[in-house]
Amino acid sequence: MMARVFILMGLLLANAAFANEAQIRKALEPKLGGAKIEGVQPAPIKGLWEVHVRTERGMRLLYTDATGAYVIDGSIHEVRTNRDLTEERLRKLNAIKFESLPLDLAVKVQRGNGKRVLAMFSDPYCPACRQFERSLAQIDDITIYVFMYPVIRPENADHSRAVWCSADRAKAWLELAAASQPKVPTTGASCPNPVDKVVDFGHKLGVNSTPTLILTNGERLSGGLRTEELRELLDQTAAARR
């Protein structure tokens, strides 16, 4: 008898969750301008639901009540741990297979044994990218696959092309993107190069800010990180791949 009660309770809870999801989809999807709801699940805060919305720029998170009558567009921060729970969820929802990245189109920068690995979409004239390069310079034993993504100042895209045409691409990239003053390679930009392909690829991935980082577990981060935070993440993902 008791087993039947537990089964009945489980079915009732499942039906309630399904009803909430259906109601939320019905209420919100017509208001999203053509974007699609790919998932609905309970949010970290009791009484709220997390709505996964697929847009041209990747996954987006909204929060709503059980009926879809109210929407919260923002981030949930856990005060006790100082964690941005929304950002953590987006990393996972927007994750891609690292092995699927066309690394042959990237400039490879390696220091030490290169055991810490990440890929990065970066514009050499993006102020946040240039600042982040200073954080990267403080991490040893690292391999960085730089997808040159000249979208902030597209009129200077030839500078990225010239990096590819340089004999030492890593050195040329760092002199252009990480030096106190950008040093444009003198080699010119006439060689076959992947810059346009990278820009197209980034648009398809929904990369809409620089720097955008991709860890080896596929998680994606927009914006730079503090040195210690980045080192910890890289060490975690390196350990997970062993």
Protein backbone atom coordinates (compact mmCIF):
# COMPACT_ATOMS: atom_id res chain seq x y z
CA MET A 1 0.00 0.00 0.00
CA MET A 2 2.78 2.42 1.00
CA ALA A 3 4.62 1.75 -2.28
CA ARG A 4 1.49 2.68 -4.22
CA VAL A 5 1.23 5.95 -2.28
CA PHE A 6 4.84 6.86 -3.17
CA ILE A 7 4.24 6.00 -6.83
CA LEU A 8 1.08 8.13 -6.88
CA MET A 9 2.89 11.06 -5.26
CA GLY A 10 5.67 10.79 -7.83
CA LEU A 11 3.19 10.80 -10.70
CA LEU A 12 1.38 13.84 -9.28
CA LEU A 13 4.65 15.78 -8.91
CA ALA A 14 5.72 14.83 -12.44
CA ASN A 15 2.37 15.92 -13.87
CA ALA A 16 2.56 19.22 -11.97
CA ALA A 17 6.03 19.91 -13.35
CA PHE A 18 4.89 19.06 -16.87
CA ALA A 19 1.86 21.32 -16.50
CA ASN A 20 4.05 24.20 -15.32
CA GLU A 21 6.44 23.75 -18.24
CA ALA A 22 3.61 23.66 -20.77
CA GLN A 23 2.03 26.75 -19.25
CA ILE A 24 5.32 28.63 -19.16
CA ARG A 25 6.05 27.78 -22.79
CA LYS A 26 2.55 28.85 -23.85
CA ALA A 27 2.83 32.16 -21.99
CA LEU A 28 6.40 33.15 -22.91
CA GLU A 29 7.31 31.75 -26.31
CA PRO A 30 5.01 34.11 -28.28
CA LYS A 31 6.76 37.04 -26.56
CA LEU A 32 10.32 36.04 -27.48
CA GLY A 33 10.48 37.40 -31.01
CA GLY A 34 10.98 34.03 -32.67
CA ALA A 35 13.48 32.64 -30.15
CA LYS A 36 12.75 29.09 -28.99
CA ILE A 37 12.44 27.73 -25.48
CA GLU A 38 14.64 24.64 -25.31
CA GLY A 39 14.08 23.72 -21.69
CA VAL A 40 12.31 24.61 -18.47
CA GLN A 41 13.40 23.44 -15.02
CA PRO A 42 13.24 24.58 -11.38
CA ALA A 43 15.58 27.48 -10.63
CA PRO A 44 17.97 27.62 -7.64
CA ILE A 45 15.40 29.79 -5.82
CA LYS A 46 12.26 28.02 -4.66
CA GLY A 47 9.20 29.06 -6.62
CA LEU A 48 11.14 30.24 -9.67
CA TRP A 49 11.60 28.38 -12.94
CA GLU A 50 14.66 28.55 -15.19
CA VAL A 51 13.85 29.00 -18.87
CA HIS A 52 16.47 28.11 -21.52
CA VAL A 53 16.02 30.30 -24.58
CA ARG A 54 17.94 29.62 -27.80
CA THR A 55 18.82 32.84 -29.63
CA GLU A 56 21.06 33.68 -32.58
CA ARG A 57 23.75 34.58 -30.05
CA GLY A 58 23.58 31.35 -28.09
CA MET A 59 21.64 30.25 -25.03
CA ARG A 60 20.04 32.79 -22.73
CA LEU A 61 18.46 32.29 -19.31
CA LEU A 62 15.26 33.83 -18.04
CA TYR A 63 13.47 33.20 -14.75
CA THR A 64 9.72 33.08 -14.28
CA ASP A 65 6.96 32.05 -11.90
CA ALA A 66 5.05 28.80 -12.41
CA THR A 67 2.50 30.42 -14.72
CA GLY A 68 4.75 32.55 -16.90
CA ALA A 69 3.03 35.71 -15.72
CA TYR A 70 6.25 37.37 -14.58
CA VAL A 71 9.78 37.27 -16.01
CA ILE A 72 13.12 38.13 -14.42
CA ASP A 73 15.93 38.91 -16.86
CA GLY A 74 19.14 38.91 -14.85
CA SER A 75 21.61 36.85 -12.83
CA ILE A 76 21.19 34.91 -9.62
CA HIS A 77 24.11 35.31 -7.21
CA GLU A 78 24.63 33.07 -4.20
CA VAL A 79 25.79 35.42 -1.45
CA ARG A 80 27.29 32.73 0.80
CA THR A 81 29.71 31.49 -1.86
CA ASN A 82 29.91 34.65 -4.00
CA ARG A 83 28.97 32.55 -7.05
CA ASP A 84 27.13 33.74 -10.15
CA LEU A 85 24.81 30.76 -10.56
CA THR A 86 23.41 32.05 -13.85
CA GLU A 87 26.87 32.34 -15.40
CA GLU A 88 27.72 28.82 -14.24
CA ARG A 89 24.58 27.44 -15.88
CA LEU A 90 25.27 29.31 -19.12
CA ARG A 91 28.77 27.85 -19.28
CA LYS A 92 27.26 24.38 -19.35
CA LEU A 93 24.32 25.18 -21.62
CA ASN A 94 26.57 26.85 -24.20
CA ALA A 95 29.29 24.20 -23.97
CA ILE A 96 30.72 22.68 -27.14
CA LYS A 97 33.17 19.84 -27.71
CA PHE A 98 36.67 21.27 -27.50
CA GLU A 99 37.80 18.65 -30.01
CA SER A 100 35.37 20.10 -32.57
CA LEU A 101 37.16 23.46 -32.65
CA PRO A 102 39.18 24.09 -35.83
CA LEU A 103 42.44 24.57 -33.95
CA ASP A 104 44.36 24.69 -37.22
CA LEU A 105 42.82 28.14 -37.73
CA ALA A 106 44.17 29.44 -34.42
CA VAL A 107 47.48 31.00 -33.44
CA LYS A 108 49.10 28.70 -30.89
CA VAL A 109 50.85 30.37 -27.96
CA GLN A 110 52.63 27.99 -25.59
CA ARG A 111 54.66 28.54 -22.43
CA GLY A 112 56.37 25.82 -20.42
CA ASN A 113 54.94 22.33 -20.78
CA GLY A 114 51.59 23.70 -22.01
CA LYS A 115 49.51 21.44 -19.76
CA ARG A 116 46.92 24.15 -19.06
CA VAL A 117 44.89 24.54 -22.25
CA LEU A 118 42.22 26.93 -23.47
CA ALA A 119 40.94 28.48 -26.68
CA MET A 120 40.14 32.16 -26.97
CA PHE A 121 38.33 34.44 -29.41
CA SER A 122 40.09 37.77 -29.16
CA ASP A 123 40.33 41.10 -30.94
CA PRO A 124 43.75 42.75 -30.52
CA TYR A 125 42.08 46.15 -30.21
CA CYS A 126 39.53 45.10 -27.59
CA PRO A 127 40.48 46.84 -24.29
CA ALA A 128 39.20 43.92 -22.20
CA CYS A 129 41.22 41.50 -24.34
CA ARG A 130 44.39 43.50 -23.91
CA GLN A 131 43.86 43.62 -20.16
CA PHE A 132 43.19 39.87 -20.07
CA GLU A 133 46.46 39.23 -21.90
CA ARG A 134 48.21 40.59 -18.79
CA SER A 135 46.47 37.93 -16.70
CA LEU A 136 47.42 35.23 -19.17
CA ALA A 137 51.06 36.35 -19.06
CA GLN A 138 51.17 35.45 -15.35
CA ILE A 139 50.20 31.80 -15.97
CA ASP A 140 52.95 29.36 -16.84
CA ASP A 141 52.69 25.90 -18.43
CA ILE A 142 49.86 27.02 -20.68
CA THR A 143 48.73 26.51 -24.27
CA ILE A 144 46.44 29.15 -25.74
CA TYR A 145 44.74 28.69 -29.09
CA VAL A 146 43.94 32.23 -30.22
CA PHE A 147 41.14 32.62 -32.73
CA MET A 148 41.79 36.12 -34.08
CA TYR A 149 38.38 37.77 -34.11
CA PRO A 150 38.68 41.38 -35.35
CA VAL A 151 35.12 42.52 -34.74
CA ILE A 152 35.71 45.50 -32.43
CA ARG A 153 37.74 47.39 -35.04
CA PRO A 154 37.13 45.45 -38.26
CA GLU A 155 38.94 48.14 -40.25
CA ASN A 156 42.12 46.77 -38.68
CA ALA A 157 41.47 43.16 -39.65
CA ASP A 158 44.58 43.24 -41.87
CA HIS A 159 46.68 43.51 -38.71
CA SER A 160 45.40 40.08 -37.62
CA ARG A 161 46.01 38.75 -41.12
CA ALA A 162 49.58 40.03 -40.88
CA VAL A 163 50.04 38.08 -37.65
CA TRP A 164 49.17 34.90 -39.55
CA CYS A 165 51.64 35.80 -42.29
CA SER A 166 54.47 36.27 -39.77
CA ALA A 167 57.24 33.70 -39.38
CA ASP A 168 56.57 33.53 -35.61
CA ARG A 169 52.81 33.90 -35.23
CA ALA A 170 52.80 33.62 -31.44
CA LYS A 171 55.38 36.40 -31.07
CA ALA A 172 53.58 38.58 -33.62
CA TRP A 173 50.24 38.12 -31.82
CA LEU A 174 51.66 39.03 -28.42
CA GLU A 175 53.39 42.11 -29.84
CA LEU A 176 50.12 43.22 -31.42
CA ALA A 177 47.65 42.26 -28.67
CA ALA A 178 49.59 42.25 -25.40
CA ALA A 179 52.27 44.95 -25.68
CA SER A 180 51.73 48.35 -24.07
CA GLN A 181 51.38 49.72 -27.61
CA PRO A 182 50.19 47.50 -30.50
CA LYS A 183 53.03 46.60 -32.85
CA VAL A 184 51.68 45.75 -36.29
CA PRO A 185 53.69 43.07 -38.14
CA THR A 186 55.61 44.38 -41.10
CA THR A 187 55.15 41.19 -43.14
CA GLY A 188 51.92 42.39 -44.75
CA ALA A 189 48.60 40.58 -44.98
CA SER A 190 48.64 39.05 -48.45
CA CYS A 191 49.29 35.40 -47.53
CA PRO A 192 46.42 32.87 -47.35
CA ASN A 193 44.94 33.31 -43.87
CA PRO A 194 41.91 32.08 -41.88
CA VAL A 195 40.71 35.36 -40.37
CA ASP A 196 37.48 35.56 -42.39
CA LYS A 197 36.76 31.88 -41.68
CA VAL A 198 37.28 32.48 -37.96
CA VAL A 199 34.89 35.42 -37.97
CA ASP A 200 32.24 33.32 -39.73
CA PHE A 201 32.83 30.45 -37.32
CA GLY A 202 32.55 32.76 -34.32
CA HIS A 203 29.24 34.15 -35.58
CA LYS A 204 27.89 30.62 -35.98
CA LEU A 205 28.91 29.81 -32.41
CA GLY A 206 27.20 32.95 -31.16
CA VAL A 207 30.42 34.59 -29.97
CA ASN A 208 29.25 38.13 -29.32
CA SER A 209 31.87 39.49 -26.95
CA THR A 210 35.63 39.41 -26.61
CA PRO A 211 37.43 37.82 -25.05
CA THR A 212 35.41 34.61 -25.16
CA LEU A 213 37.17 31.62 -23.62
CA ILE A 214 36.49 27.94 -24.24
CA LEU A 215 37.82 25.48 -21.68
CA THR A 216 38.79 21.93 -22.55
CA ASN A 217 35.57 20.65 -20.94
CA GLY A 218 33.68 22.72 -23.52
CA GLU A 219 32.43 25.38 -21.12
CA ARG A 220 32.37 28.89 -22.51
CA LEU A 221 33.14 32.07 -20.59
CA SER A 222 32.59 35.61 -21.81
CA GLY A 223 35.01 38.20 -20.53
CA GLY A 224 38.35 37.84 -18.82
CA LEU A 225 39.00 36.34 -15.40
CA ARG A 226 41.35 37.18 -12.56
CA THR A 227 44.63 35.29 -12.76
CA GLU A 228 44.02 33.02 -9.76
CA GLU A 229 40.46 32.22 -10.83
CA LEU A 230 41.62 31.35 -14.34
CA ARG A 231 44.50 29.22 -13.08
CA GLU A 232 42.13 27.27 -10.82
CA LEU A 233 39.67 26.63 -13.68
CA LEU A 234 42.45 25.51 -16.02
CA ASP A 235 43.87 23.16 -13.41
CA GLN A 236 40.43 21.67 -12.77
CA THR A 237 39.74 21.01 -16.44
CA ALA A 238 43.27 19.64 -16.99
CA ALA A 239 42.80 17.20 -14.09
CA ALA A 240 39.41 16.09 -15.41
CA ARG A 241 40.93 15.12 -18.77
CA ARG A 242 43.52 12.77 -17.27
